[in-house]
Amino acid sequence: MPNRSVFYVSDGTGITAETFGNSILAQFAAKPRHVRRPFIDTPDKAFQVVREINETALREGKRPIVFVTLVNTEIRDIVVNANAMVMDMFRTFVEPLEAELGIKSNHRIGRFSDASKSQEYDDRIEAINFSLMHDDGQSSKNLADAEVILVGVSRSGKTPTSLYLAMQHGIKAANYPLIPEDFDRGALPSGLAPHRKKCFGLTIAPERLAQIRHERRPNSKYSAIENCRFEVAAAEQMMRREGIAWLSSTTKSIEEIATTILRDIRPDRLVY
């Protein structure tokens, strides 16, 4: 579908519509053009989006696909009349749930209708700040407050995973690199020893690691395949010896890695 457009239209950020839509579209071997239109919260904005969708349909010769999360009925009725295949998440899911539960939804726009009053939102911000402060072993301060500490060789995926855990789940995640000095010593960094039970390891195929490192420092010992093989083998040996659970990030998405960590370290966070 290179000549087909998919719109994500929302009166909030559009993240929910895009996440849901992408999950559905991932079932098809196609890469359509993506267009996100957030904060469509007035009739005028809705009509503008409809004009854009209709013009796209004329130009491409095919109806665009439109995923919408619009709680305002007037605005929603405008958008669903576009020349498009409209997937309405509220009418598909929320309204049947209202009927089943016997109560009306609060029609909240976005995940946090008022961030200033949301403890969950405050917890996420605090977790993000914590993860940034404890990225790549920058600080050992307050490590006792960490809910998980990711360990592994440099460029194995620790930073993006820790930030994802903080942003999406409000988890205070630190990450600590395992370096050649640790392997020579044959022990975890001293700052991690008291927190071994919170540690979770990431490893990676040496060939993939060399490729990633080469993009950062080409033709260096750091990116050499022999060095990558040594570091990965030494890190895995250390994690086995220390009793640290670990997984390979080679073919896994950040979402898969984070879910595995939550399942093993904080299973309570999988229940909301």
C-alpha atoms as a PDB file:
ATOM      1  CA  MET A   1       0.000   0.000   0.000  1.00  0.00           C
ATOM      2  CA  PRO A   2       2.695   2.559  -0.836  1.00  0.00           C
ATOM      3  CA  ASN A   3       0.066   4.806  -2.438  1.00  0.00           C
ATOM      4  CA  ARG A   4      -2.451   4.483   0.379  1.00  0.00           C
ATOM      5  CA  SER A   5      -2.741   6.814   3.359  1.00  0.00           C
ATOM      6  CA  VAL A   6      -3.773   6.065   6.918  1.00  0.00           C
ATOM      7  CA  PHE A   7      -4.982   8.919   9.134  1.00  0.00           C
ATOM      8  CA  TYR A   8      -5.010   8.912  12.943  1.00  0.00           C
ATOM      9  CA  VAL A   9      -7.476  11.534  14.123  1.00  0.00           C
ATOM     10  CA  SER A  10      -7.962  12.386  17.780  1.00  0.00           C
ATOM     11  CA  ASP A  11      -9.082  15.165  20.092  1.00  0.00           C
ATOM     12  CA  GLY A  12      -6.033  14.272  22.235  1.00  0.00           C
ATOM     13  CA  THR A  13      -2.488  13.403  21.264  1.00  0.00           C
ATOM     14  CA  GLY A  14      -3.495  10.674  18.824  1.00  0.00           C
ATOM     15  CA  ILE A  15      -1.128   8.193  20.450  1.00  0.00           C
ATOM     16  CA  THR A  16      -3.929   5.771  21.359  1.00  0.00           C
ATOM     17  CA  ALA A  17      -5.366   5.822  17.837  1.00  0.00           C
ATOM     18  CA  GLU A  18      -1.933   5.384  16.278  1.00  0.00           C
ATOM     19  CA  THR A  19      -0.889   2.586  18.626  1.00  0.00           C
ATOM     20  CA  PHE A  20      -4.117   0.677  18.007  1.00  0.00           C
ATOM     21  CA  GLY A  21      -4.027   1.334  14.274  1.00  0.00           C
ATOM     22  CA  ASN A  22      -0.414   0.274  13.928  1.00  0.00           C
ATOM     23  CA  SER A  23      -1.142  -2.948  15.808  1.00  0.00           C
ATOM     24  CA  ILE A  24      -3.916  -3.753  13.332  1.00  0.00           C
ATOM     25  CA  LEU A  25      -1.940  -2.750  10.246  1.00  0.00           C
ATOM     26  CA  ALA A  26       1.053  -4.800  11.405  1.00  0.00           C
ATOM     27  CA  GLN A  27      -0.973  -7.867  10.420  1.00  0.00           C
ATOM     28  CA  PHE A  28      -0.647  -6.862   6.763  1.00  0.00           C
ATOM     29  CA  ALA A  29       2.471  -6.822   4.584  1.00  0.00           C
ATOM     30  CA  ALA A  30       2.095  -3.185   3.655  1.00  0.00           C
ATOM     31  CA  LYS A  31       3.622   0.189   4.501  1.00  0.00           C
ATOM     32  CA  PRO A  32       1.070   2.932   3.947  1.00  0.00           C
ATOM     33  CA  ARG A  33       1.683   6.635   4.423  1.00  0.00           C
ATOM     34  CA  HIS A  34       0.897   7.655   8.027  1.00  0.00           C
ATOM     35  CA  VAL A  35      -0.722  10.971   8.912  1.00  0.00           C
ATOM     36  CA  ARG A  36      -1.424  11.905  12.552  1.00  0.00           C
ATOM     37  CA  ARG A  37      -3.878  14.739  13.197  1.00  0.00           C
ATOM     38  CA  PRO A  38      -4.059  15.403  16.974  1.00  0.00           C
ATOM     39  CA  PHE A  39      -6.132  17.921  18.954  1.00  0.00           C
ATOM     40  CA  ILE A  40      -9.101  17.928  16.572  1.00  0.00           C
ATOM     41  CA  ASP A  41     -11.397  19.445  19.180  1.00  0.00           C
ATOM     42  CA  THR A  42     -13.581  21.892  17.234  1.00  0.00           C
ATOM     43  CA  PRO A  43     -15.946  21.513  14.250  1.00  0.00           C
ATOM     44  CA  ASP A  44     -13.713  23.806  12.172  1.00  0.00           C
ATOM     45  CA  LYS A  45     -10.701  21.547  12.738  1.00  0.00           C
ATOM     46  CA  ALA A  46     -12.832  18.510  11.941  1.00  0.00           C
ATOM     47  CA  PHE A  47     -13.954  19.985   8.613  1.00  0.00           C
ATOM     48  CA  GLN A  48     -10.320  20.804   7.757  1.00  0.00           C
ATOM     49  CA  VAL A  49      -9.320  17.189   8.384  1.00  0.00           C
ATOM     50  CA  VAL A  50     -12.241  15.905   6.307  1.00  0.00           C
ATOM     51  CA  ARG A  51     -11.152  18.120   3.408  1.00  0.00           C
ATOM     52  CA  GLU A  52      -7.622  16.752   3.699  1.00  0.00           C
ATOM     53  CA  ILE A  53      -8.885  13.163   3.772  1.00  0.00           C
ATOM     54  CA  ASN A  54     -11.173  13.732   0.781  1.00  0.00           C
ATOM     55  CA  GLU A  55      -8.391  15.409  -1.209  1.00  0.00           C
ATOM     56  CA  THR A  56      -6.125  12.454  -0.418  1.00  0.00           C
ATOM     57  CA  ALA A  57      -8.797  10.037  -1.660  1.00  0.00           C
ATOM     58  CA  LEU A  58      -9.028  11.929  -4.960  1.00  0.00           C
ATOM     59  CA  ARG A  59      -5.270  12.131  -5.389  1.00  0.00           C
ATOM     60  CA  GLU A  60      -4.566   8.476  -4.572  1.00  0.00           C
ATOM     61  CA  GLY A  61      -7.665   7.032  -6.184  1.00  0.00           C
ATOM     62  CA  LYS A  62      -8.369   4.986  -3.040  1.00  0.00           C
ATOM     63  CA  ARG A  63     -10.179   5.710   0.190  1.00  0.00           C
ATOM     64  CA  PRO A  64      -7.803   6.466   3.051  1.00  0.00           C
ATOM     65  CA  ILE A  65      -8.116   4.411   6.223  1.00  0.00           C
ATOM     66  CA  VAL A  66      -8.918   6.555   9.259  1.00  0.00           C
ATOM     67  CA  PHE A  67      -8.558   5.502  12.901  1.00  0.00           C
ATOM     68  CA  VAL A  68     -10.371   7.932  15.197  1.00  0.00           C
ATOM     69  CA  THR A  69     -10.562   8.489  18.953  1.00  0.00           C
ATOM     70  CA  LEU A  70     -13.039  11.358  19.210  1.00  0.00           C
ATOM     71  CA  VAL A  71     -15.268  11.691  22.254  1.00  0.00           C
ATOM     72  CA  ASN A  72     -17.242  14.718  21.078  1.00  0.00           C
ATOM     73  CA  THR A  73     -20.260  13.449  19.136  1.00  0.00           C
ATOM     74  CA  GLU A  74     -20.562  16.516  16.903  1.00  0.00           C
ATOM     75  CA  ILE A  75     -16.910  16.354  15.878  1.00  0.00           C
ATOM     76  CA  ARG A  76     -17.017  12.594  15.429  1.00  0.00           C
ATOM     77  CA  ASP A  77     -20.076  12.804  13.170  1.00  0.00           C
ATOM     78  CA  ILE A  78     -18.217  15.250  10.915  1.00  0.00           C
ATOM     79  CA  VAL A  79     -15.154  13.039  10.534  1.00  0.00           C
ATOM     80  CA  VAL A  80     -16.992   9.754   9.971  1.00  0.00           C
ATOM     81  CA  ASN A  81     -18.632  11.271   6.896  1.00  0.00           C
ATOM     82  CA  ALA A  82     -15.291  11.648   5.134  1.00  0.00           C
ATOM     83  CA  ASN A  83     -14.645   9.662   1.964  1.00  0.00           C
ATOM     84  CA  ALA A  84     -12.710   7.034   3.888  1.00  0.00           C
ATOM     85  CA  MET A  85     -12.888   3.754   5.728  1.00  0.00           C
ATOM     86  CA  VAL A  86     -13.313   5.063   9.278  1.00  0.00           C
ATOM     87  CA  MET A  87     -12.425   2.848  12.250  1.00  0.00           C
ATOM     88  CA  ASP A  88     -14.120   4.462  15.261  1.00  0.00           C
ATOM     89  CA  MET A  89     -12.620   3.132  18.470  1.00  0.00           C
ATOM     90  CA  PHE A  90     -15.219   4.697  20.743  1.00  0.00           C
ATOM     91  CA  ARG A  91     -18.254   3.363  18.887  1.00  0.00           C
ATOM     92  CA  THR A  92     -16.541   0.000  18.451  1.00  0.00           C
ATOM     93  CA  PHE A  93     -15.433  -0.457  22.044  1.00  0.00           C
ATOM     94  CA  VAL A  94     -16.646   2.227  24.459  1.00  0.00           C
ATOM     95  CA  GLU A  95     -20.348   2.262  23.562  1.00  0.00           C
ATOM     96  CA  PRO A  96     -20.755  -1.551  23.733  1.00  0.00           C
ATOM     97  CA  LEU A  97     -18.997  -1.452  27.117  1.00  0.00           C
ATOM     98  CA  GLU A  98     -21.389   1.251  28.312  1.00  0.00           C
ATOM     99  CA  ALA A  99     -24.281  -1.027  27.423  1.00  0.00           C
ATOM    100  CA  GLU A 100     -22.667  -4.064  29.071  1.00  0.00           C
ATOM    101  CA  LEU A 101     -21.667  -2.260  32.268  1.00  0.00           C
ATOM    102  CA  GLY A 102     -24.835  -0.202  32.518  1.00  0.00           C
ATOM    103  CA  ILE A 103     -22.906   3.029  33.077  1.00  0.00           C
ATOM    104  CA  LYS A 104     -21.788   5.913  30.901  1.00  0.00           C
ATOM    105  CA  SER A 105     -18.094   6.492  30.259  1.00  0.00           C
ATOM    106  CA  ASN A 106     -16.579   9.774  31.378  1.00  0.00           C
ATOM    107  CA  HIS A 107     -15.528  10.536  27.776  1.00  0.00           C
ATOM    108  CA  ARG A 108     -12.140  11.617  28.977  1.00  0.00           C
ATOM    109  CA  ILE A 109      -9.849  12.990  26.302  1.00  0.00           C
ATOM    110  CA  GLY A 110      -6.427  11.357  26.445  1.00  0.00           C
ATOM    111  CA  ARG A 111      -4.806   9.205  29.065  1.00  0.00           C
ATOM    112  CA  PHE A 112      -4.542  12.027  31.582  1.00  0.00           C
ATOM    113  CA  SER A 113      -7.469  14.450  31.468  1.00  0.00           C
ATOM    114  CA  ASP A 114      -5.831  16.704  34.075  1.00  0.00           C
ATOM    115  CA  ALA A 115      -2.146  15.941  34.554  1.00  0.00           C
ATOM    116  CA  SER A 116      -1.881  18.239  37.561  1.00  0.00           C
ATOM    117  CA  LYS A 117      -4.296  15.977  39.483  1.00  0.00           C
ATOM    118  CA  SER A 118      -2.934  12.621  38.344  1.00  0.00           C
ATOM    119  CA  GLN A 119      -0.689  10.735  40.742  1.00  0.00           C
ATOM    120  CA  GLU A 120       0.066   8.239  37.990  1.00  0.00           C
ATOM    121  CA  TYR A 121       1.332  11.065  35.789  1.00  0.00           C
ATOM    122  CA  ASP A 122       3.494  12.472  38.603  1.00  0.00           C
ATOM    123  CA  ASP A 123       4.930   9.002  39.205  1.00  0.00           C
ATOM    124  CA  ARG A 124       5.856   8.676  35.546  1.00  0.00           C
ATOM    125  CA  ILE A 125       7.639  12.035  35.527  1.00  0.00           C
ATOM    126  CA  GLU A 126       9.550  11.060  38.666  1.00  0.00           C
ATOM    127  CA  ALA A 127      10.486   7.715  37.106  1.00  0.00           C
ATOM    128  CA  ILE A 128      11.729   9.408  33.914  1.00  0.00           C
ATOM    129  CA  ASN A 129      13.894  11.808  35.910  1.00  0.00           C
ATOM    130  CA  PHE A 130      15.266   8.892  37.918  1.00  0.00           C
ATOM    131  CA  SER A 131      16.104   6.890  34.805  1.00  0.00           C
ATOM    132  CA  LEU A 132      17.852   9.845  33.176  1.00  0.00           C
ATOM    133  CA  MET A 133      19.879  10.465  36.335  1.00  0.00           C
ATOM    134  CA  HIS A 134      20.922   6.806  36.500  1.00  0.00           C
ATOM    135  CA  ASP A 135      21.583   6.260  32.796  1.00  0.00           C
ATOM    136  CA  ASP A 136      24.741   4.378  31.850  1.00  0.00           C
ATOM    137  CA  GLY A 137      25.980   4.195  35.447  1.00  0.00           C
ATOM    138  CA  GLN A 138      26.190   7.990  35.780  1.00  0.00           C
ATOM    139  CA  SER A 139      25.205   7.864  39.433  1.00  0.00           C
ATOM    140  CA  SER A 140      25.011   5.308  42.217  1.00  0.00           C
ATOM    141  CA  LYS A 141      23.028   7.706  44.371  1.00  0.00           C
ATOM    142  CA  ASN A 142      19.635   6.412  45.525  1.00  0.00           C
ATOM    143  CA  LEU A 143      20.052   3.099  43.715  1.00  0.00           C
ATOM    144  CA  ALA A 144      18.080   1.595  46.580  1.00  0.00           C
ATOM    145  CA  ASP A 145      15.047   3.392  45.122  1.00  0.00           C
ATOM    146  CA  ALA A 146      15.428   1.651  41.759  1.00  0.00           C
ATOM    147  CA  GLU A 147      12.787  -0.932  40.927  1.00  0.00           C
ATOM    148  CA  VAL A 148      15.017  -2.574  38.336  1.00  0.00           C
ATOM    149  CA  ILE A 149      18.652  -2.138  37.308  1.00  0.00           C
ATOM    150  CA  LEU A 150      19.514  -3.174  33.772  1.00  0.00           C
ATOM    151  CA  VAL A 151      23.037  -4.504  33.237  1.00  0.00           C
ATOM    152  CA  GLY A 152      24.878  -5.520  30.106  1.00  0.00           C
ATOM    153  CA  VAL A 153      27.629  -4.536  27.721  1.00  0.00           C
ATOM    154  CA  SER A 154      27.612  -1.155  26.056  1.00  0.00           C
ATOM    155  CA  ARG A 155      24.983  -0.794  23.275  1.00  0.00           C
ATOM    156  CA  SER A 156      22.926  -3.821  24.251  1.00  0.00           C
ATOM    157  CA  GLY A 157      19.712  -1.785  24.602  1.00  0.00           C
ATOM    158  CA  LYS A 158      19.778  -0.750  28.252  1.00  0.00           C
ATOM    159  CA  THR A 159      19.049   2.973  27.849  1.00  0.00           C
ATOM    160  CA  PRO A 160      16.011   2.773  25.537  1.00  0.00           C
ATOM    161  CA  THR A 161      14.539  -0.041  27.629  1.00  0.00           C
ATOM    162  CA  SER A 162      14.957   1.816  30.922  1.00  0.00           C
ATOM    163  CA  LEU A 163      13.392   4.963  29.465  1.00  0.00           C
ATOM    164  CA  TYR A 164      10.513   2.950  28.007  1.00  0.00           C
ATOM    165  CA  LEU A 165       9.860   1.371  31.410  1.00  0.00           C
ATOM    166  CA  ALA A 166       9.822   4.825  32.987  1.00  0.00           C
ATOM    167  CA  MET A 167       7.683   6.532  30.355  1.00  0.00           C
ATOM    168  CA  GLN A 168       5.144   3.788  29.798  1.00  0.00           C
ATOM    169  CA  HIS A 169       4.979   2.088  33.195  1.00  0.00           C
ATOM    170  CA  GLY A 170       6.328   4.583  35.727  1.00  0.00           C
ATOM    171  CA  ILE A 171       9.137   2.180  36.673  1.00  0.00           C
ATOM    172  CA  LYS A 172      12.256   3.655  38.248  1.00  0.00           C
ATOM    173  CA  ALA A 173      14.814   1.904  36.084  1.00  0.00           C
ATOM    174  CA  ALA A 174      18.564   2.429  36.306  1.00  0.00           C
ATOM    175  CA  ASN A 175      21.062   0.957  33.875  1.00  0.00           C
ATOM    176  CA  TYR A 176      24.696   0.058  34.379  1.00  0.00           C
ATOM    177  CA  PRO A 177      27.249  -0.972  31.753  1.00  0.00           C
ATOM    178  CA  LEU A 178      29.465  -4.001  32.230  1.00  0.00           C
ATOM    179  CA  ILE A 179      32.949  -3.053  31.078  1.00  0.00           C
ATOM    180  CA  PRO A 180      36.275  -4.921  30.589  1.00  0.00           C
ATOM    181  CA  GLU A 181      37.475  -3.823  34.040  1.00  0.00           C
ATOM    182  CA  ASP A 182      34.521  -5.660  35.589  1.00  0.00           C
ATOM    183  CA  PHE A 183      35.408  -8.802  33.646  1.00  0.00           C
ATOM    184  CA  ASP A 184      39.069  -8.587  34.734  1.00  0.00           C
ATOM    185  CA  ARG A 185      37.918  -8.263  38.339  1.00  0.00           C
ATOM    186  CA  GLY A 186      35.428 -11.079  37.901  1.00  0.00           C
ATOM    187  CA  ALA A 187      32.701  -9.304  39.843  1.00  0.00           C
ATOM    188  CA  LEU A 188      29.840  -6.873  39.417  1.00  0.00           C
ATOM    189  CA  PRO A 189      30.628  -3.181  39.925  1.00  0.00           C
ATOM    190  CA  SER A 190      30.787  -2.558  43.682  1.00  0.00           C
ATOM    191  CA  GLY A 191      27.809  -0.194  43.562  1.00  0.00           C
ATOM    192  CA  LEU A 192      25.578  -2.958  42.214  1.00  0.00           C
ATOM    193  CA  ALA A 193      26.476  -5.713  44.651  1.00  0.00           C
ATOM    194  CA  PRO A 194      23.944  -4.687  47.345  1.00  0.00           C
ATOM    195  CA  HIS A 195      21.196  -4.523  44.709  1.00  0.00           C
ATOM    196  CA  ARG A 196      21.837  -7.801  42.877  1.00  0.00           C
ATOM    197  CA  LYS A 197      18.226  -8.954  43.297  1.00  0.00           C
ATOM    198  CA  LYS A 198      17.014  -5.927  41.356  1.00  0.00           C
ATOM    199  CA  CYS A 199      19.354  -6.548  38.435  1.00  0.00           C
ATOM    200  CA  PHE A 200      18.175  -7.793  35.065  1.00  0.00           C
ATOM    201  CA  GLY A 201      20.631  -8.483  32.269  1.00  0.00           C
ATOM    202  CA  LEU A 202      20.533  -7.718  28.564  1.00  0.00           C
ATOM    203  CA  THR A 203      22.799  -9.488  26.118  1.00  0.00           C
ATOM    204  CA  ILE A 204      23.045  -9.336  22.342  1.00  0.00           C
ATOM    205  CA  ALA A 205      24.508 -11.337  19.466  1.00  0.00           C
ATOM    206  CA  PRO A 206      28.154 -10.272  18.947  1.00  0.00           C
ATOM    207  CA  GLU A 207      27.607  -9.736  15.212  1.00  0.00           C
ATOM    208  CA  ARG A 208      24.726  -7.358  15.857  1.00  0.00           C
ATOM    209  CA  LEU A 209      26.685  -5.604  18.602  1.00  0.00           C
ATOM    210  CA  ALA A 210      29.640  -5.060  16.267  1.00  0.00           C
ATOM    211  CA  GLN A 211      27.297  -3.587  13.662  1.00  0.00           C
ATOM    212  CA  ILE A 212      25.764  -1.144  16.160  1.00  0.00           C
ATOM    213  CA  ARG A 213      29.126  -0.134  17.606  1.00  0.00           C
ATOM    214  CA  HIS A 214      30.637   0.311  14.155  1.00  0.00           C
ATOM    215  CA  GLU A 215      28.050   3.016  13.450  1.00  0.00           C
ATOM    216  CA  ARG A 216      29.271   4.872  16.530  1.00  0.00           C
ATOM    217  CA  ARG A 217      33.026   4.177  16.397  1.00  0.00           C
ATOM    218  CA  PRO A 218      33.993   2.628  13.047  1.00  0.00           C
ATOM    219  CA  ASN A 219      37.206   0.606  12.752  1.00  0.00           C
ATOM    220  CA  SER A 220      37.912   0.700  16.493  1.00  0.00           C
ATOM    221  CA  LYS A 221      38.712  -1.993  19.032  1.00  0.00           C
ATOM    222  CA  TYR A 222      35.359  -1.083  20.623  1.00  0.00           C
ATOM    223  CA  SER A 223      33.484  -2.251  17.520  1.00  0.00           C
ATOM    224  CA  ALA A 224      35.785  -5.106  16.490  1.00  0.00           C
ATOM    225  CA  ILE A 225      33.948  -8.438  16.251  1.00  0.00           C
ATOM    226  CA  GLU A 226      36.596 -10.209  18.368  1.00  0.00           C
ATOM    227  CA  ASN A 227      36.158  -7.694  21.169  1.00  0.00           C
ATOM    228  CA  CYS A 228      32.363  -7.904  20.937  1.00  0.00           C
ATOM    229  CA  ARG A 229      32.503 -11.690  21.203  1.00  0.00           C
ATOM    230  CA  PHE A 230      34.744 -11.445  24.257  1.00  0.00           C
ATOM    231  CA  GLU A 231      32.571  -8.855  26.035  1.00  0.00           C
ATOM    232  CA  VAL A 232      29.304 -10.670  25.360  1.00  0.00           C
ATOM    233  CA  ALA A 233      30.685 -14.029  26.513  1.00  0.00           C
ATOM    234  CA  ALA A 234      32.222 -12.475  29.637  1.00  0.00           C
ATOM    235  CA  ALA A 235      29.011 -10.586  30.487  1.00  0.00           C
ATOM    236  CA  GLU A 236      26.848 -13.694  30.103  1.00  0.00           C
ATOM    237  CA  GLN A 237      29.279 -15.709  32.222  1.00  0.00           C
ATOM    238  CA  MET A 238      29.155 -13.043  34.936  1.00  0.00           C
ATOM    239  CA  MET A 239      25.359 -12.887  34.918  1.00  0.00           C
ATOM    240  CA  ARG A 240      25.121 -16.663  35.210  1.00  0.00           C
ATOM    241  CA  ARG A 241      27.586 -16.657  38.083  1.00  0.00           C
ATOM    242  CA  GLU A 242      25.743 -13.858  39.896  1.00  0.00           C
ATOM    243  CA  GLY A 243      22.329 -15.465  39.365  1.00  0.00           C
ATOM    244  CA  ILE A 244      21.002 -12.557  37.286  1.00  0.00           C
ATOM    245  CA  ALA A 245      18.151 -13.282  34.879  1.00  0.00           C
ATOM    246  CA  TRP A 246      18.858 -12.057  31.365  1.00  0.00           C
ATOM    247  CA  LEU A 247      17.612 -12.145  27.799  1.00  0.00           C
ATOM    248  CA  SER A 248      18.942 -11.319  24.362  1.00  0.00           C
ATOM    249  CA  SER A 249      17.832  -8.044  22.802  1.00  0.00           C
ATOM    250  CA  THR A 250      19.044  -9.101  19.343  1.00  0.00           C
ATOM    251  CA  THR A 251      15.648  -9.776  17.784  1.00  0.00           C
ATOM    252  CA  LYS A 252      13.285  -8.418  20.428  1.00  0.00           C
ATOM    253  CA  SER A 253      11.499  -5.078  20.448  1.00  0.00           C
ATOM    254  CA  ILE A 254      11.770  -2.734  23.410  1.00  0.00           C
ATOM    255  CA  GLU A 255       8.149  -3.529  24.221  1.00  0.00           C
ATOM    256  CA  GLU A 256       8.900  -7.267  24.386  1.00  0.00           C
ATOM    257  CA  ILE A 257      11.983  -6.704  26.544  1.00  0.00           C
ATOM    258  CA  ALA A 258      10.102  -4.403  28.926  1.00  0.00           C
ATOM    259  CA  THR A 259       7.192  -6.835  29.274  1.00  0.00           C
ATOM    260  CA  THR A 260       9.565  -9.700  30.074  1.00  0.00           C
ATOM    261  CA  ILE A 261      11.295  -7.574  32.722  1.00  0.00           C
ATOM    262  CA  LEU A 262       7.963  -6.604  34.283  1.00  0.00           C
ATOM    263  CA  ARG A 263       6.845 -10.226  34.283  1.00  0.00           C
ATOM    264  CA  ASP A 264      10.018 -11.364  36.039  1.00  0.00           C
ATOM    265  CA  ILE A 265      10.822  -8.392  38.295  1.00  0.00           C
ATOM    266  CA  ARG A 266       7.563  -6.530  38.897  1.00  0.00           C
ATOM    267  CA  PRO A 267       4.612  -8.762  37.924  1.00  0.00           C
ATOM    268  CA  ASP A 268       2.304  -6.473  39.916  1.00  0.00           C
ATOM    269  CA  ARG A 269       2.873  -3.789  37.274  1.00  0.00           C
ATOM    270  CA  LEU A 270       1.124  -5.988  34.715  1.00  0.00           C
ATOM    271  CA  VAL A 271      -2.075  -5.577  36.727  1.00  0.00           C
ATOM    272  CA  TYR A 272      -3.679  -2.139  36.676  1.00  0.00           C
END
